[in-house]
N, C-alpha and C. Protein backbone atom coordinates (compact mmCIF):
# COMPACT_ATOMS: atom_id res chain seq x y z
N MET A 1 -3.63 -10.89 -76.97
CA MET A 1 -3.48 -10.53 -78.35
C MET A 1 -4.96 -10.57 -78.75
N ILE A 2 -6.16 -11.21 -78.24
CA ILE A 2 -6.94 -11.70 -78.72
C ILE A 2 -8.02 -10.29 -78.31
N GLU A 3 -9.09 -9.96 -79.21
CA GLU A 3 -9.76 -8.61 -78.85
C GLU A 3 -11.19 -9.53 -78.63
N ILE A 4 -11.78 -9.34 -77.85
CA ILE A 4 -13.33 -9.33 -77.50
C ILE A 4 -13.97 -8.58 -77.16
N GLU A 5 -15.08 -8.30 -77.98
CA GLU A 5 -16.11 -7.22 -77.90
C GLU A 5 -17.40 -7.19 -78.40
N ARG A 6 -18.18 -6.64 -78.14
CA ARG A 6 -19.68 -6.45 -78.54
C ARG A 6 -19.62 -5.23 -78.66
N LYS A 7 -20.84 -5.17 -79.94
CA LYS A 7 -20.85 -3.80 -80.50
C LYS A 7 -22.82 -3.56 -80.44
N TYR A 8 -22.53 -2.45 -80.48
CA TYR A 8 -24.35 -1.82 -80.14
C TYR A 8 -24.33 -0.17 -81.05
N LEU A 9 -25.78 -0.26 -81.40
CA LEU A 9 -26.05 0.95 -82.35
C LEU A 9 -26.56 1.59 -81.15
N VAL A 10 -26.32 2.75 -81.12
CA VAL A 10 -26.88 4.28 -80.06
C VAL A 10 -27.85 4.85 -80.33
N THR A 11 -29.00 5.00 -79.51
CA THR A 11 -30.03 5.21 -79.43
C THR A 11 -30.19 7.05 -79.17
N SER A 12 -29.49 7.70 -78.54
CA SER A 12 -29.74 8.68 -78.08
C SER A 12 -28.15 9.50 -77.72
N LEU A 13 -28.06 10.79 -77.60
CA LEU A 13 -26.99 11.39 -77.46
C LEU A 13 -26.56 11.58 -75.56
N VAL A 14 -27.55 10.90 -74.79
CA VAL A 14 -27.14 10.81 -73.72
C VAL A 14 -25.56 10.58 -72.91
N PHE A 15 -25.24 9.95 -73.57
CA PHE A 15 -23.90 9.45 -73.21
C PHE A 15 -22.91 10.58 -73.29
N LYS A 16 -23.02 11.75 -74.38
CA LYS A 16 -22.09 12.74 -74.31
C LYS A 16 -22.03 13.53 -72.56
N GLN A 17 -23.12 13.27 -71.86
CA GLN A 17 -23.42 14.14 -71.08
C GLN A 17 -22.51 13.28 -69.55
N VAL A 18 -21.94 11.90 -69.77
CA VAL A 18 -21.47 11.34 -68.83
C VAL A 18 -19.92 10.71 -69.23
N ALA A 19 -19.51 11.34 -70.54
CA ALA A 19 -18.61 11.00 -71.14
C ALA A 19 -17.14 11.20 -70.20
N PHE A 20 -16.38 10.57 -69.90
CA PHE A 20 -15.03 11.01 -69.24
C PHE A 20 -13.90 11.40 -70.33
N ALA A 21 -13.98 11.06 -71.42
CA ALA A 21 -13.02 11.64 -72.55
C ALA A 21 -13.46 11.70 -73.69
N GLN A 22 -13.01 12.18 -74.72
CA GLN A 22 -13.42 12.34 -76.03
C GLN A 22 -12.21 12.73 -76.70
N ASN A 23 -11.90 11.83 -77.82
CA ASN A 23 -10.70 12.35 -78.91
C ASN A 23 -11.12 11.71 -80.43
N ASP A 24 -10.78 12.78 -81.12
CA ASP A 24 -11.06 12.78 -82.62
C ASP A 24 -9.98 11.74 -83.25
N ILE A 25 -10.83 10.91 -84.12
CA ILE A 25 -9.62 9.75 -84.73
C ILE A 25 -10.24 9.80 -86.32
N ALA A 26 -8.81 9.78 -87.11
CA ALA A 26 -8.95 9.74 -88.49
C ALA A 26 -8.16 8.57 -88.63
N GLN A 27 -8.63 7.61 -89.63
CA GLN A 27 -8.16 6.54 -89.82
C GLN A 27 -8.17 6.02 -91.34
N GLY A 28 -7.44 4.99 -91.85
CA GLY A 28 -7.34 4.66 -93.38
C GLY A 28 -6.71 3.06 -93.20
N TYR A 29 -7.34 2.45 -94.34
CA TYR A 29 -6.94 0.96 -94.51
C TYR A 29 -5.95 0.72 -95.21
N LEU A 30 -4.56 0.06 -94.94
CA LEU A 30 -3.59 0.00 -96.13
C LEU A 30 -4.05 -1.49 -96.65
N ASN A 31 -4.85 -2.73 -95.88
CA ASN A 31 -5.51 -3.42 -96.43
C ASN A 31 -7.01 -3.56 -95.82
N SER A 32 -7.99 -3.61 -96.63
CA SER A 32 -9.10 -3.92 -95.80
C SER A 32 -10.01 -5.13 -95.92
N HIS A 33 -9.21 -6.01 -96.29
CA HIS A 33 -9.69 -7.83 -96.50
C HIS A 33 -10.07 -8.42 -94.91
N PRO A 34 -11.19 -8.82 -95.36
CA PRO A 34 -11.64 -9.30 -93.90
C PRO A 34 -11.02 -10.53 -92.96
N GLU A 35 -10.21 -11.11 -93.92
CA GLU A 35 -9.33 -12.05 -92.93
C GLU A 35 -8.01 -11.44 -92.38
N ARG A 36 -7.60 -10.21 -92.65
CA ARG A 36 -6.62 -9.51 -92.29
C ARG A 36 -6.40 -7.98 -92.76
N THR A 37 -7.36 -7.06 -91.58
CA THR A 37 -7.25 -5.67 -92.08
C THR A 37 -5.80 -5.02 -91.63
N VAL A 38 -5.57 -3.96 -92.11
CA VAL A 38 -4.07 -3.30 -91.58
C VAL A 38 -4.71 -1.88 -91.38
N ARG A 39 -4.44 -1.43 -90.43
CA ARG A 39 -5.17 0.09 -90.35
C ARG A 39 -4.35 0.99 -89.81
N ILE A 40 -4.31 2.21 -89.96
CA ILE A 40 -3.23 3.42 -89.69
C ILE A 40 -4.46 4.40 -89.19
N ARG A 41 -4.23 4.79 -88.00
CA ARG A 41 -5.03 5.50 -87.15
C ARG A 41 -4.37 6.70 -86.53
N ILE A 42 -4.64 8.01 -86.42
CA ILE A 42 -4.34 9.08 -85.48
C ILE A 42 -5.41 9.23 -84.42
N LYS A 43 -5.29 9.37 -83.02
CA LYS A 43 -6.51 9.37 -82.28
C LYS A 43 -5.60 10.45 -81.32
N GLY A 44 -6.36 11.92 -81.21
CA GLY A 44 -5.52 12.92 -80.74
C GLY A 44 -4.26 13.12 -81.37
N GLU A 45 -3.41 12.85 -80.24
CA GLU A 45 -1.78 13.42 -81.09
C GLU A 45 -1.06 12.20 -80.99
N LYS A 46 -1.82 10.88 -81.33
CA LYS A 46 -0.88 9.80 -81.22
C LYS A 46 -1.35 9.15 -82.62
N GLY A 47 -0.45 8.35 -83.17
CA GLY A 47 -0.28 7.67 -84.30
C GLY A 47 -0.25 5.74 -83.94
N TYR A 48 -0.68 5.12 -84.82
CA TYR A 48 -1.08 3.68 -84.49
C TYR A 48 -1.25 2.90 -85.83
N ILE A 49 -0.45 1.53 -85.89
CA ILE A 49 -0.54 0.42 -86.69
C ILE A 49 -1.42 -0.73 -86.01
N THR A 50 -2.39 -1.15 -86.90
CA THR A 50 -3.41 -1.82 -86.19
C THR A 50 -3.27 -3.59 -87.20
N ILE A 51 -3.21 -4.38 -86.96
CA ILE A 51 -3.59 -5.62 -87.86
C ILE A 51 -4.65 -6.43 -86.92
N LYS A 52 -5.46 -6.73 -87.82
CA LYS A 52 -6.68 -7.65 -87.21
C LYS A 52 -6.84 -8.66 -87.98
N GLY A 53 -7.21 -9.95 -87.37
CA GLY A 53 -7.19 -11.25 -88.21
C GLY A 53 -8.75 -11.38 -88.18
N ILE A 54 -9.20 -12.21 -88.60
CA ILE A 54 -10.92 -12.85 -89.07
C ILE A 54 -11.34 -13.01 -87.78
N SER A 55 -12.83 -12.70 -87.86
CA SER A 55 -13.63 -12.91 -86.47
C SER A 55 -14.04 -14.17 -86.27
N ASN A 56 -14.45 -14.66 -85.26
CA ASN A 56 -14.65 -16.07 -84.80
C ASN A 56 -15.97 -16.04 -85.64
N LYS A 57 -16.92 -17.19 -85.52
CA LYS A 57 -18.15 -17.29 -85.67
C LYS A 57 -19.12 -16.43 -85.33
N SER A 58 -19.04 -16.17 -83.75
CA SER A 58 -19.84 -15.32 -83.31
C SER A 58 -19.55 -13.42 -83.79
N GLY A 59 -18.44 -13.58 -84.31
CA GLY A 59 -17.90 -12.07 -84.54
C GLY A 59 -17.63 -11.31 -83.56
N SER A 60 -17.36 -11.95 -82.21
CA SER A 60 -17.11 -11.36 -81.02
C SER A 60 -15.53 -11.24 -80.67
N SER A 61 -14.92 -12.08 -81.28
CA SER A 61 -13.09 -12.03 -81.07
C SER A 61 -12.90 -12.65 -82.55
N ARG A 62 -11.37 -12.06 -82.03
CA ARG A 62 -10.54 -11.94 -83.21
C ARG A 62 -9.18 -11.34 -82.48
N LEU A 63 -8.00 -12.15 -83.59
CA LEU A 63 -6.94 -11.43 -83.06
C LEU A 63 -6.61 -9.91 -83.49
N GLU A 64 -5.77 -9.23 -82.73
CA GLU A 64 -5.93 -7.94 -82.97
C GLU A 64 -4.43 -7.55 -82.45
N TRP A 65 -3.27 -6.88 -83.27
CA TRP A 65 -2.03 -6.72 -82.92
C TRP A 65 -1.87 -5.15 -83.00
N GLU A 66 -1.39 -4.23 -82.03
CA GLU A 66 -1.65 -2.90 -82.33
C GLU A 66 -0.37 -2.22 -81.59
N LYS A 67 0.42 -1.12 -82.30
CA LYS A 67 1.41 -0.77 -81.95
C LYS A 67 1.49 1.10 -81.96
N GLU A 68 1.79 1.75 -81.05
CA GLU A 68 1.78 3.31 -81.15
C GLU A 68 3.36 3.10 -82.31
N ILE A 69 3.15 4.59 -83.30
CA ILE A 69 3.97 4.80 -83.82
C ILE A 69 3.91 6.53 -83.85
N PRO A 70 5.21 6.98 -84.18
CA PRO A 70 5.08 8.36 -84.23
C PRO A 70 4.27 9.15 -85.10
N VAL A 71 3.04 10.02 -84.89
CA VAL A 71 1.89 10.54 -85.27
C VAL A 71 2.45 11.44 -86.54
N ASP A 72 3.91 11.35 -86.66
CA ASP A 72 4.32 12.29 -88.06
C ASP A 72 4.19 10.96 -89.37
N GLU A 73 4.64 9.99 -88.95
CA GLU A 73 4.89 9.01 -89.82
C GLU A 73 3.16 8.15 -89.88
N ALA A 74 2.32 8.33 -88.96
CA ALA A 74 1.10 8.32 -89.24
C ALA A 74 0.44 8.78 -90.20
N LYS A 75 0.83 9.94 -90.42
CA LYS A 75 0.31 11.11 -91.23
C LYS A 75 0.45 10.66 -92.50
N SER A 76 1.93 9.97 -92.53
CA SER A 76 2.66 9.63 -94.07
C SER A 76 1.67 8.48 -94.38
N LEU A 77 1.73 7.25 -93.58
CA LEU A 77 1.27 6.23 -94.11
C LEU A 77 -0.57 6.44 -94.49
N LEU A 78 -1.25 7.33 -93.67
CA LEU A 78 -2.71 7.44 -93.97
C LEU A 78 -2.81 8.17 -95.63
N LYS A 79 -1.69 8.51 -96.05
CA LYS A 79 -1.52 8.82 -97.81
C LYS A 79 -1.52 7.70 -98.66
N LEU A 80 -1.26 6.43 -98.05
CA LEU A 80 -1.02 5.25 -98.38
C LEU A 80 -2.23 4.52 -98.89
N CYS A 81 -3.04 4.81 -97.61
CA CYS A 81 -4.24 3.93 -97.87
C CYS A 81 -5.33 4.02 -98.74
N GLU A 82 -6.18 2.58 -98.66
CA GLU A 82 -7.06 2.80 -99.85
C GLU A 82 -8.28 3.57 -99.40
N LYS A 83 -9.18 4.09 -100.74
CA LYS A 83 -10.11 4.87 -100.36
C LYS A 83 -10.96 4.89 -99.55
N GLY A 84 -11.65 5.85 -98.59
CA GLY A 84 -12.53 6.00 -97.84
C GLY A 84 -11.82 5.88 -96.52
N ALA A 85 -11.53 6.97 -96.22
CA ALA A 85 -10.87 7.12 -94.68
C ALA A 85 -12.11 7.17 -93.68
N ILE A 86 -11.78 7.05 -92.48
CA ILE A 86 -12.94 7.38 -91.87
C ILE A 86 -12.73 8.19 -90.45
N GLU A 87 -13.75 8.79 -90.48
CA GLU A 87 -13.38 10.09 -89.28
C GLU A 87 -14.42 10.06 -88.29
N LYS A 88 -14.45 9.71 -87.06
CA LYS A 88 -14.76 10.00 -85.97
C LYS A 88 -14.46 10.88 -84.72
N THR A 89 -15.71 11.06 -83.62
CA THR A 89 -15.22 11.26 -82.73
C THR A 89 -15.67 10.26 -81.41
N ARG A 90 -14.42 9.87 -80.72
CA ARG A 90 -14.62 8.97 -79.53
C ARG A 90 -14.95 9.45 -78.51
N TYR A 91 -15.99 8.88 -77.59
CA TYR A 91 -16.26 9.32 -76.49
C TYR A 91 -16.34 7.90 -75.31
N GLU A 92 -15.80 8.05 -74.60
CA GLU A 92 -15.63 6.92 -73.45
C GLU A 92 -16.65 7.10 -72.11
N VAL A 93 -17.19 5.94 -71.80
CA VAL A 93 -18.39 6.16 -70.68
C VAL A 93 -18.10 4.92 -69.54
N LYS A 94 -17.91 4.91 -68.37
CA LYS A 94 -17.78 4.19 -67.57
C LYS A 94 -19.13 3.38 -67.34
N SER A 95 -19.05 2.09 -67.42
CA SER A 95 -20.69 1.29 -66.97
C SER A 95 -19.97 0.05 -66.38
N GLY A 96 -20.69 0.43 -65.02
CA GLY A 96 -20.13 -1.11 -64.17
C GLY A 96 -18.46 -1.13 -64.09
N ASN A 97 -17.90 -2.48 -64.60
CA ASN A 97 -16.86 -2.62 -64.60
C ASN A 97 -16.19 -2.44 -65.97
N HIS A 98 -16.62 -1.89 -66.67
CA HIS A 98 -16.27 -1.59 -68.05
C HIS A 98 -16.20 -0.21 -68.39
N ILE A 99 -15.57 -0.29 -69.68
CA ILE A 99 -15.42 1.31 -70.34
C ILE A 99 -15.94 1.22 -71.69
N ILE A 100 -17.30 1.75 -72.28
CA ILE A 100 -17.92 1.81 -73.36
C ILE A 100 -17.38 2.79 -74.06
N GLU A 101 -16.73 2.43 -75.28
CA GLU A 101 -16.45 3.55 -76.42
C GLU A 101 -17.18 3.49 -77.53
N ILE A 102 -17.90 5.00 -77.40
CA ILE A 102 -18.72 5.39 -78.30
C ILE A 102 -18.40 6.25 -79.56
N ASP A 103 -18.30 6.05 -80.89
CA ASP A 103 -18.09 6.48 -81.86
C ASP A 103 -19.04 6.88 -82.36
N GLU A 104 -19.18 8.36 -82.58
CA GLU A 104 -19.96 9.25 -83.43
C GLU A 104 -19.26 9.83 -84.79
N PHE A 105 -19.85 8.98 -85.78
CA PHE A 105 -19.14 8.98 -87.07
C PHE A 105 -19.14 10.61 -87.98
N HIS A 106 -18.41 10.70 -88.72
CA HIS A 106 -18.42 12.04 -89.46
C HIS A 106 -18.32 11.83 -90.68
N GLY A 107 -18.23 12.78 -91.83
CA GLY A 107 -18.01 12.50 -93.02
C GLY A 107 -19.22 11.66 -93.71
N ASP A 108 -18.67 10.78 -94.82
CA ASP A 108 -19.65 9.90 -95.74
C ASP A 108 -20.18 8.92 -94.48
N ASN A 109 -20.06 8.80 -93.45
CA ASN A 109 -20.49 8.00 -92.55
C ASN A 109 -21.56 8.63 -91.45
N ALA A 110 -21.71 10.19 -91.42
CA ALA A 110 -22.15 10.95 -90.26
C ALA A 110 -23.45 10.29 -90.30
N GLY A 111 -24.45 10.41 -88.87
CA GLY A 111 -25.53 9.82 -88.86
C GLY A 111 -25.26 8.19 -88.06
N LEU A 112 -24.37 7.77 -88.17
CA LEU A 112 -24.13 6.40 -87.53
C LEU A 112 -23.15 6.69 -86.17
N ILE A 113 -23.74 6.20 -84.87
CA ILE A 113 -23.38 6.09 -83.85
C ILE A 113 -23.48 5.04 -83.17
N MET A 114 -21.98 4.12 -83.05
CA MET A 114 -22.23 3.08 -82.25
C MET A 114 -20.95 2.72 -81.08
N ALA A 115 -21.65 1.94 -80.66
CA ALA A 115 -20.67 1.41 -79.24
C ALA A 115 -20.00 0.30 -79.18
N GLU A 116 -19.01 -0.03 -78.38
CA GLU A 116 -18.23 -1.03 -78.57
C GLU A 116 -17.73 -1.46 -76.82
N ILE A 117 -18.02 -2.61 -76.55
CA ILE A 117 -17.26 -2.90 -74.91
C ILE A 117 -16.55 -4.10 -75.39
N GLU A 118 -15.06 -3.96 -74.59
CA GLU A 118 -14.58 -4.96 -74.87
C GLU A 118 -14.65 -5.66 -73.40
N LEU A 119 -14.50 -6.91 -73.91
CA LEU A 119 -14.85 -8.10 -72.65
C LEU A 119 -13.33 -8.89 -72.41
N GLU A 120 -13.66 -9.49 -71.19
CA GLU A 120 -12.45 -10.50 -70.87
C GLU A 120 -12.33 -12.12 -71.55
N ASN A 121 -14.17 -12.21 -71.69
CA ASN A 121 -14.30 -13.70 -72.40
C ASN A 121 -15.83 -13.33 -72.91
N GLU A 122 -16.14 -14.06 -73.79
CA GLU A 122 -17.28 -14.15 -74.42
C GLU A 122 -18.85 -14.15 -73.77
N ASN A 123 -18.54 -14.83 -72.80
CA ASN A 123 -19.84 -14.73 -71.69
C ASN A 123 -19.90 -14.12 -70.74
N GLU A 124 -19.15 -12.94 -70.65
CA GLU A 124 -18.97 -11.92 -69.45
C GLU A 124 -20.12 -10.82 -69.67
N SER A 125 -20.89 -11.01 -68.73
CA SER A 125 -22.14 -9.73 -68.60
C SER A 125 -21.65 -8.51 -68.42
N ILE A 126 -22.79 -7.89 -68.88
CA ILE A 126 -22.39 -6.18 -69.04
C ILE A 126 -23.90 -5.38 -68.25
N GLU A 127 -23.31 -4.61 -67.77
CA GLU A 127 -24.54 -3.38 -67.57
C GLU A 127 -24.61 -2.47 -68.89
N LYS A 128 -26.00 -2.65 -69.37
CA LYS A 128 -25.98 -1.82 -70.73
C LYS A 128 -27.03 -0.65 -70.03
N PRO A 129 -26.38 0.42 -70.49
CA PRO A 129 -27.24 1.56 -70.20
C PRO A 129 -27.98 1.76 -71.19
N GLU A 130 -29.57 2.41 -70.70
CA GLU A 130 -30.68 2.83 -71.58
C GLU A 130 -30.20 2.93 -73.39
N TRP A 131 -29.09 3.80 -73.26
CA TRP A 131 -29.06 4.34 -74.88
C TRP A 131 -28.25 3.42 -75.88
N LEU A 132 -28.12 2.20 -75.13
CA LEU A 132 -27.38 1.20 -75.58
C LEU A 132 -28.53 0.50 -76.67
N GLY A 133 -28.57 0.34 -77.86
CA GLY A 133 -29.57 -0.17 -78.45
C GLY A 133 -29.63 -1.58 -79.09
N THR A 134 -29.81 -1.88 -80.63
CA THR A 134 -29.86 -3.18 -81.38
C THR A 134 -28.07 -3.73 -81.02
N GLU A 135 -27.99 -4.99 -80.72
CA GLU A 135 -26.42 -5.32 -81.00
C GLU A 135 -26.08 -5.88 -82.55
N VAL A 136 -24.97 -5.45 -82.66
CA VAL A 136 -24.67 -5.63 -84.11
C VAL A 136 -23.42 -6.52 -84.27
N THR A 137 -22.72 -6.83 -83.06
CA THR A 137 -21.97 -7.28 -83.10
C THR A 137 -21.94 -8.78 -84.23
N GLY A 138 -20.88 -8.92 -85.02
CA GLY A 138 -20.90 -9.99 -85.74
C GLY A 138 -21.61 -9.39 -87.28
N ASP A 139 -22.14 -8.18 -87.36
CA ASP A 139 -22.53 -7.90 -88.56
C ASP A 139 -21.55 -7.07 -89.11
N GLN A 140 -20.79 -7.87 -90.21
CA GLN A 140 -19.52 -6.75 -90.98
C GLN A 140 -20.00 -5.50 -91.43
N ARG A 141 -21.20 -5.37 -91.61
CA ARG A 141 -21.76 -3.84 -92.23
C ARG A 141 -21.23 -3.01 -91.18
N TYR A 142 -21.29 -3.04 -89.94
CA TYR A 142 -20.40 -2.11 -88.90
C TYR A 142 -19.44 -2.47 -88.81
N TYR A 143 -18.22 -2.82 -89.03
CA TYR A 143 -17.08 -2.88 -89.60
C TYR A 143 -16.46 -2.11 -89.80
N ASN A 144 -15.54 -0.64 -89.54
CA ASN A 144 -14.88 0.18 -89.96
C ASN A 144 -14.14 -0.04 -91.34
N SER A 145 -13.79 -1.12 -91.25
CA SER A 145 -13.19 -1.67 -92.78
C SER A 145 -13.99 -1.88 -93.51
N TYR A 146 -15.35 -2.23 -93.39
CA TYR A 146 -16.39 -2.17 -94.38
C TYR A 146 -16.97 -0.50 -94.49
N LEU A 147 -17.10 -0.26 -93.32
CA LEU A 147 -17.45 1.51 -93.89
C LEU A 147 -16.76 2.40 -94.55
N SER A 148 -15.54 2.23 -94.45
CA SER A 148 -14.79 2.95 -95.16
C SER A 148 -14.84 2.45 -96.95
N LEU A 149 -15.38 1.56 -97.23
CA LEU A 149 -15.34 1.40 -98.53
C LEU A 149 -17.16 0.97 -98.88
N ASN A 150 -17.76 1.35 -97.85
CA ASN A 150 -19.22 1.33 -98.08
C ASN A 150 -19.83 2.37 -96.95
N PRO A 151 -19.69 3.32 -97.35
CA PRO A 151 -20.38 4.42 -95.93
C PRO A 151 -21.66 4.50 -95.77
N PHE A 152 -22.10 4.86 -94.59
CA PHE A 152 -23.36 4.75 -94.15
C PHE A 152 -24.49 5.29 -94.96
N LYS A 153 -23.99 6.55 -94.98
CA LYS A 153 -24.79 7.51 -96.04
C LYS A 153 -25.29 6.83 -97.40
N LYS A 154 -24.85 5.97 -97.90
CA LYS A 154 -25.02 5.00 -98.99
C LYS A 154 -26.24 3.89 -98.68
N TRP A 155 -26.16 3.58 -97.66
CA TRP A 155 -26.81 2.45 -97.22
C TRP A 155 -28.74 2.59 -97.41
């Protein structure tokens, strides 16, 4: 239940050429407080509810609980969410022993492309493709809950 991940900005669109999966995602927040976010997500044809706790000091790990829910329920719950929906396309790329999830944001966050790599432990080494740029792990501006309230286009 502990999520450990590192986040990076993406410097080119080369990842699209090697992606093995692609899904559109719509998500909103029932609660965007940094100590406990409650997210509703539709990814492809599936719905999810996710609760995340506060990040550790480095920003690389935090408690995460997620359950799949019927997509029609997720659509109804999205209507109850705070202002500021997140729209993005997620691409998945294999890199060494890891899957890199790359989010290309749309709407108010268009222009932002960010990658996440989930790890088994905080000290795990990763193979970084050349299109991974600056690491933004722990920078709360790049949390989706922050972006929902403070869109990238207003930075």
